[in-house]
Amino acid sequence: MSILKNSNTKKVKNNKEKFEASTSFEDVIDMISVSPSASNKQSVTVQDQFSDYFILFMKYAFLVGVLTLNFLGLSVSLNCNADQELSSRILSAIFAFFFGFVYLIINYYTYKVLGQGKICKMNRDKLFPFKV
């Protein structure tokens, strides 16, 4: 009985060590680091600096792209649901902002355009038409 218990505690410790090793703060900091090659200041070259700037540019470009898709989803949601009641518009707008790309592809394109054959008319004066 004690042998079985010892083997189970070893498995738990091994799993815990694997989890701690895979989610260390150093890994997270390396992922979001502005300059990954700055850890060794003696051997930083111009090529390392250019690659750091390129990686940083790609990270920010990805974030700007995701944020743009989220705002586009929010705008489409508010324009398509302008005739709905307030709670429906708010819930749809929150969902569209949080999951912009998913909202645009699944809810708008697949459900509304292909399924219902309804294309939303966008308001030219207001990008985010919200009436209470």
C-alpha atoms as a PDB file:
ATOM      1  CA  MET A   1       0.000   0.000   0.000  1.00  0.00           C
ATOM      2  CA  SER A   2       2.790   2.433   0.863  1.00  0.00           C
ATOM      3  CA  ILE A   3       4.612   1.588  -2.391  1.00  0.00           C
ATOM      4  CA  LEU A   4       1.515   2.533  -4.368  1.00  0.00           C
ATOM      5  CA  LYS A   5       1.174   5.743  -2.401  1.00  0.00           C
ATOM      6  CA  ASN A   6       4.835   6.649  -2.992  1.00  0.00           C
ATOM      7  CA  SER A   7       4.518   6.052  -6.730  1.00  0.00           C
ATOM      8  CA  ASN A   8       1.391   8.233  -6.880  1.00  0.00           C
ATOM      9  CA  THR A   9       3.105  11.073  -5.004  1.00  0.00           C
ATOM     10  CA  LYS A  10       6.088  10.801  -7.366  1.00  0.00           C
ATOM     11  CA  LYS A  11       3.735  11.097 -10.357  1.00  0.00           C
ATOM     12  CA  VAL A  12       2.087  14.143  -8.809  1.00  0.00           C
ATOM     13  CA  LYS A  13       5.468  15.729  -8.121  1.00  0.00           C
ATOM     14  CA  ASN A  14       6.665  14.950 -11.648  1.00  0.00           C
ATOM     15  CA  ASN A  15       3.495  16.470 -13.145  1.00  0.00           C
ATOM     16  CA  LYS A  16       3.846  19.503 -10.913  1.00  0.00           C
ATOM     17  CA  GLU A  17       7.490  19.933 -11.900  1.00  0.00           C
ATOM     18  CA  LYS A  18       6.572  19.621 -15.595  1.00  0.00           C
ATOM     19  CA  PHE A  19       3.857  22.264 -15.175  1.00  0.00           C
ATOM     20  CA  GLU A  20       6.173  24.628 -13.321  1.00  0.00           C
ATOM     21  CA  ALA A  21       8.914  24.109 -15.883  1.00  0.00           C
ATOM     22  CA  SER A  22       6.583  24.761 -18.812  1.00  0.00           C
ATOM     23  CA  THR A  23       5.003  27.918 -17.385  1.00  0.00           C
ATOM     24  CA  SER A  24       7.915  29.763 -15.856  1.00  0.00           C
ATOM     25  CA  PHE A  25       7.924  33.530 -15.749  1.00  0.00           C
ATOM     26  CA  GLU A  26      11.154  33.616 -17.746  1.00  0.00           C
ATOM     27  CA  ASP A  27       9.376  32.007 -20.710  1.00  0.00           C
ATOM     28  CA  VAL A  28       6.580  34.578 -20.576  1.00  0.00           C
ATOM     29  CA  ILE A  29       9.041  37.447 -20.274  1.00  0.00           C
ATOM     30  CA  ASP A  30      11.076  36.101 -23.197  1.00  0.00           C
ATOM     31  CA  MET A  31       7.926  35.940 -25.306  1.00  0.00           C
ATOM     32  CA  ILE A  32       6.872  39.555 -24.646  1.00  0.00           C
ATOM     33  CA  SER A  33      10.389  40.935 -24.462  1.00  0.00           C
ATOM     34  CA  VAL A  34      11.099  44.002 -26.550  1.00  0.00           C
ATOM     35  CA  SER A  35      14.703  42.997 -27.169  1.00  0.00           C
ATOM     36  CA  PRO A  36      15.291  39.236 -26.910  1.00  0.00           C
ATOM     37  CA  SER A  37      18.988  39.524 -27.762  1.00  0.00           C
ATOM     38  CA  ALA A  38      19.658  42.055 -24.987  1.00  0.00           C
ATOM     39  CA  SER A  39      20.205  39.277 -22.440  1.00  0.00           C
ATOM     40  CA  ASN A  40      23.849  39.090 -23.542  1.00  0.00           C
ATOM     41  CA  LYS A  41      24.976  42.716 -23.905  1.00  0.00           C
ATOM     42  CA  GLN A  42      28.546  41.862 -24.950  1.00  0.00           C
ATOM     43  CA  SER A  43      27.535  40.138 -28.192  1.00  0.00           C
ATOM     44  CA  VAL A  44      24.713  42.307 -29.531  1.00  0.00           C
ATOM     45  CA  THR A  45      25.263  43.053 -33.203  1.00  0.00           C
ATOM     46  CA  VAL A  46      23.501  45.342 -35.651  1.00  0.00           C
ATOM     47  CA  GLN A  47      21.806  42.317 -37.200  1.00  0.00           C
ATOM     48  CA  ASP A  48      20.475  41.325 -33.743  1.00  0.00           C
ATOM     49  CA  GLN A  49      19.076  44.819 -33.281  1.00  0.00           C
ATOM     50  CA  PHE A  50      17.363  44.778 -36.683  1.00  0.00           C
ATOM     51  CA  SER A  51      15.865  41.362 -35.980  1.00  0.00           C
ATOM     52  CA  ASP A  52      14.667  42.631 -32.570  1.00  0.00           C
ATOM     53  CA  TYR A  53      12.998  45.637 -34.207  1.00  0.00           C
ATOM     54  CA  PHE A  54      11.420  43.418 -36.859  1.00  0.00           C
ATOM     55  CA  ILE A  55      10.051  41.032 -34.219  1.00  0.00           C
ATOM     56  CA  LEU A  56       8.742  43.988 -32.213  1.00  0.00           C
ATOM     57  CA  PHE A  57       7.121  45.448 -35.343  1.00  0.00           C
ATOM     58  CA  MET A  58       5.454  42.109 -36.107  1.00  0.00           C
ATOM     59  CA  LYS A  59       4.099  41.835 -32.540  1.00  0.00           C
ATOM     60  CA  TYR A  60       2.603  45.321 -32.681  1.00  0.00           C
ATOM     61  CA  ALA A  61       1.292  44.821 -36.222  1.00  0.00           C
ATOM     62  CA  PHE A  62      -0.473  41.658 -35.073  1.00  0.00           C
ATOM     63  CA  LEU A  63      -2.038  43.488 -32.119  1.00  0.00           C
ATOM     64  CA  VAL A  64      -3.166  46.391 -34.317  1.00  0.00           C
ATOM     65  CA  GLY A  65      -4.629  43.929 -36.833  1.00  0.00           C
ATOM     66  CA  VAL A  66      -6.583  42.063 -34.155  1.00  0.00           C
ATOM     67  CA  LEU A  67      -7.840  45.323 -32.647  1.00  0.00           C
ATOM     68  CA  THR A  68      -8.889  46.568 -36.102  1.00  0.00           C
ATOM     69  CA  LEU A  69     -10.833  43.349 -36.753  1.00  0.00           C
ATOM     70  CA  ASN A  70     -12.501  43.687 -33.349  1.00  0.00           C
ATOM     71  CA  PHE A  71     -13.613  47.251 -34.072  1.00  0.00           C
ATOM     72  CA  LEU A  72     -14.786  46.217 -37.541  1.00  0.00           C
ATOM     73  CA  GLY A  73     -16.842  43.428 -35.969  1.00  0.00           C
ATOM     74  CA  LEU A  74     -18.280  45.927 -33.484  1.00  0.00           C
ATOM     75  CA  SER A  75     -19.257  48.303 -36.265  1.00  0.00           C
ATOM     76  CA  VAL A  76     -20.902  45.562 -38.327  1.00  0.00           C
ATOM     77  CA  SER A  77     -22.762  44.328 -35.249  1.00  0.00           C
ATOM     78  CA  LEU A  78     -24.113  47.770 -34.386  1.00  0.00           C
ATOM     79  CA  ASN A  79     -25.129  48.460 -37.987  1.00  0.00           C
ATOM     80  CA  CYS A  80     -26.805  45.083 -38.516  1.00  0.00           C
ATOM     81  CA  ASN A  81     -28.705  45.142 -35.240  1.00  0.00           C
ATOM     82  CA  ALA A  82     -29.850  48.774 -35.354  1.00  0.00           C
ATOM     83  CA  ASP A  83     -33.509  47.716 -35.349  1.00  0.00           C
ATOM     84  CA  GLN A  84     -33.158  45.259 -32.426  1.00  0.00           C
ATOM     85  CA  GLU A  85     -33.891  46.020 -28.787  1.00  0.00           C
ATOM     86  CA  LEU A  86     -31.201  47.553 -26.571  1.00  0.00           C
ATOM     87  CA  SER A  87     -30.150  44.404 -24.682  1.00  0.00           C
ATOM     88  CA  SER A  88     -29.755  42.428 -27.903  1.00  0.00           C
ATOM     89  CA  ARG A  89     -27.625  45.176 -29.440  1.00  0.00           C
ATOM     90  CA  ILE A  90     -25.414  45.398 -26.359  1.00  0.00           C
ATOM     91  CA  LEU A  91     -24.847  41.644 -26.112  1.00  0.00           C
ATOM     92  CA  SER A  92     -24.157  41.366 -29.820  1.00  0.00           C
ATOM     93  CA  ALA A  93     -21.776  44.331 -29.693  1.00  0.00           C
ATOM     94  CA  ILE A  94     -19.828  42.866 -26.752  1.00  0.00           C
ATOM     95  CA  PHE A  95     -19.540  39.507 -28.495  1.00  0.00           C
ATOM     96  CA  ALA A  96     -18.504  41.162 -31.753  1.00  0.00           C
ATOM     97  CA  PHE A  97     -15.825  43.245 -30.042  1.00  0.00           C
ATOM     98  CA  PHE A  98     -14.341  40.340 -28.077  1.00  0.00           C
ATOM     99  CA  PHE A  99     -14.390  37.896 -30.993  1.00  0.00           C
ATOM    100  CA  GLY A 100     -14.137  40.184 -34.027  1.00  0.00           C
ATOM    101  CA  PHE A 101     -12.838  37.756 -36.649  1.00  0.00           C
ATOM    102  CA  VAL A 102     -15.045  34.910 -35.424  1.00  0.00           C
ATOM    103  CA  TYR A 103     -18.090  37.203 -35.396  1.00  0.00           C
ATOM    104  CA  LEU A 104     -17.433  38.451 -38.918  1.00  0.00           C
ATOM    105  CA  ILE A 105     -16.921  34.993 -40.415  1.00  0.00           C
ATOM    106  CA  ILE A 106     -19.416  32.849 -38.506  1.00  0.00           C
ATOM    107  CA  ASN A 107     -22.211  35.145 -37.412  1.00  0.00           C
ATOM    108  CA  TYR A 108     -22.256  37.770 -40.121  1.00  0.00           C
ATOM    109  CA  TYR A 109     -21.023  36.031 -43.269  1.00  0.00           C
ATOM    110  CA  THR A 110     -22.212  32.460 -42.681  1.00  0.00           C
ATOM    111  CA  TYR A 111     -25.441  33.116 -40.774  1.00  0.00           C
ATOM    112  CA  LYS A 112     -26.706  36.454 -42.056  1.00  0.00           C
ATOM    113  CA  VAL A 113     -25.340  36.635 -45.605  1.00  0.00           C
ATOM    114  CA  LEU A 114     -25.318  32.994 -46.709  1.00  0.00           C
ATOM    115  CA  GLY A 115     -28.104  31.674 -44.465  1.00  0.00           C
ATOM    116  CA  GLN A 116     -30.619  34.500 -44.459  1.00  0.00           C
ATOM    117  CA  GLY A 117     -29.472  36.307 -47.588  1.00  0.00           C
ATOM    118  CA  LYS A 118     -29.487  39.598 -45.683  1.00  0.00           C
ATOM    119  CA  ILE A 119     -26.684  42.102 -46.235  1.00  0.00           C
ATOM    120  CA  CYS A 120     -26.519  44.856 -43.645  1.00  0.00           C
ATOM    121  CA  LYS A 121     -26.689  48.452 -44.754  1.00  0.00           C
ATOM    122  CA  MET A 122     -23.853  50.396 -43.186  1.00  0.00           C
ATOM    123  CA  ASN A 123     -24.436  53.893 -41.856  1.00  0.00           C
ATOM    124  CA  ARG A 124     -22.187  56.335 -43.738  1.00  0.00           C
ATOM    125  CA  ASP A 125     -22.440  59.094 -41.141  1.00  0.00           C
ATOM    126  CA  LYS A 126     -21.654  57.073 -38.029  1.00  0.00           C
ATOM    127  CA  LEU A 127     -19.200  54.217 -37.876  1.00  0.00           C
ATOM    128  CA  PHE A 128     -20.649  52.982 -34.576  1.00  0.00           C
ATOM    129  CA  PRO A 129     -24.389  53.877 -34.596  1.00  0.00           C
ATOM    130  CA  PHE A 130     -25.697  53.351 -31.088  1.00  0.00           C
ATOM    131  CA  LYS A 131     -29.063  54.748 -30.067  1.00  0.00           C
ATOM    132  CA  VAL A 132     -30.533  54.268 -26.609  1.00  0.00           C
END
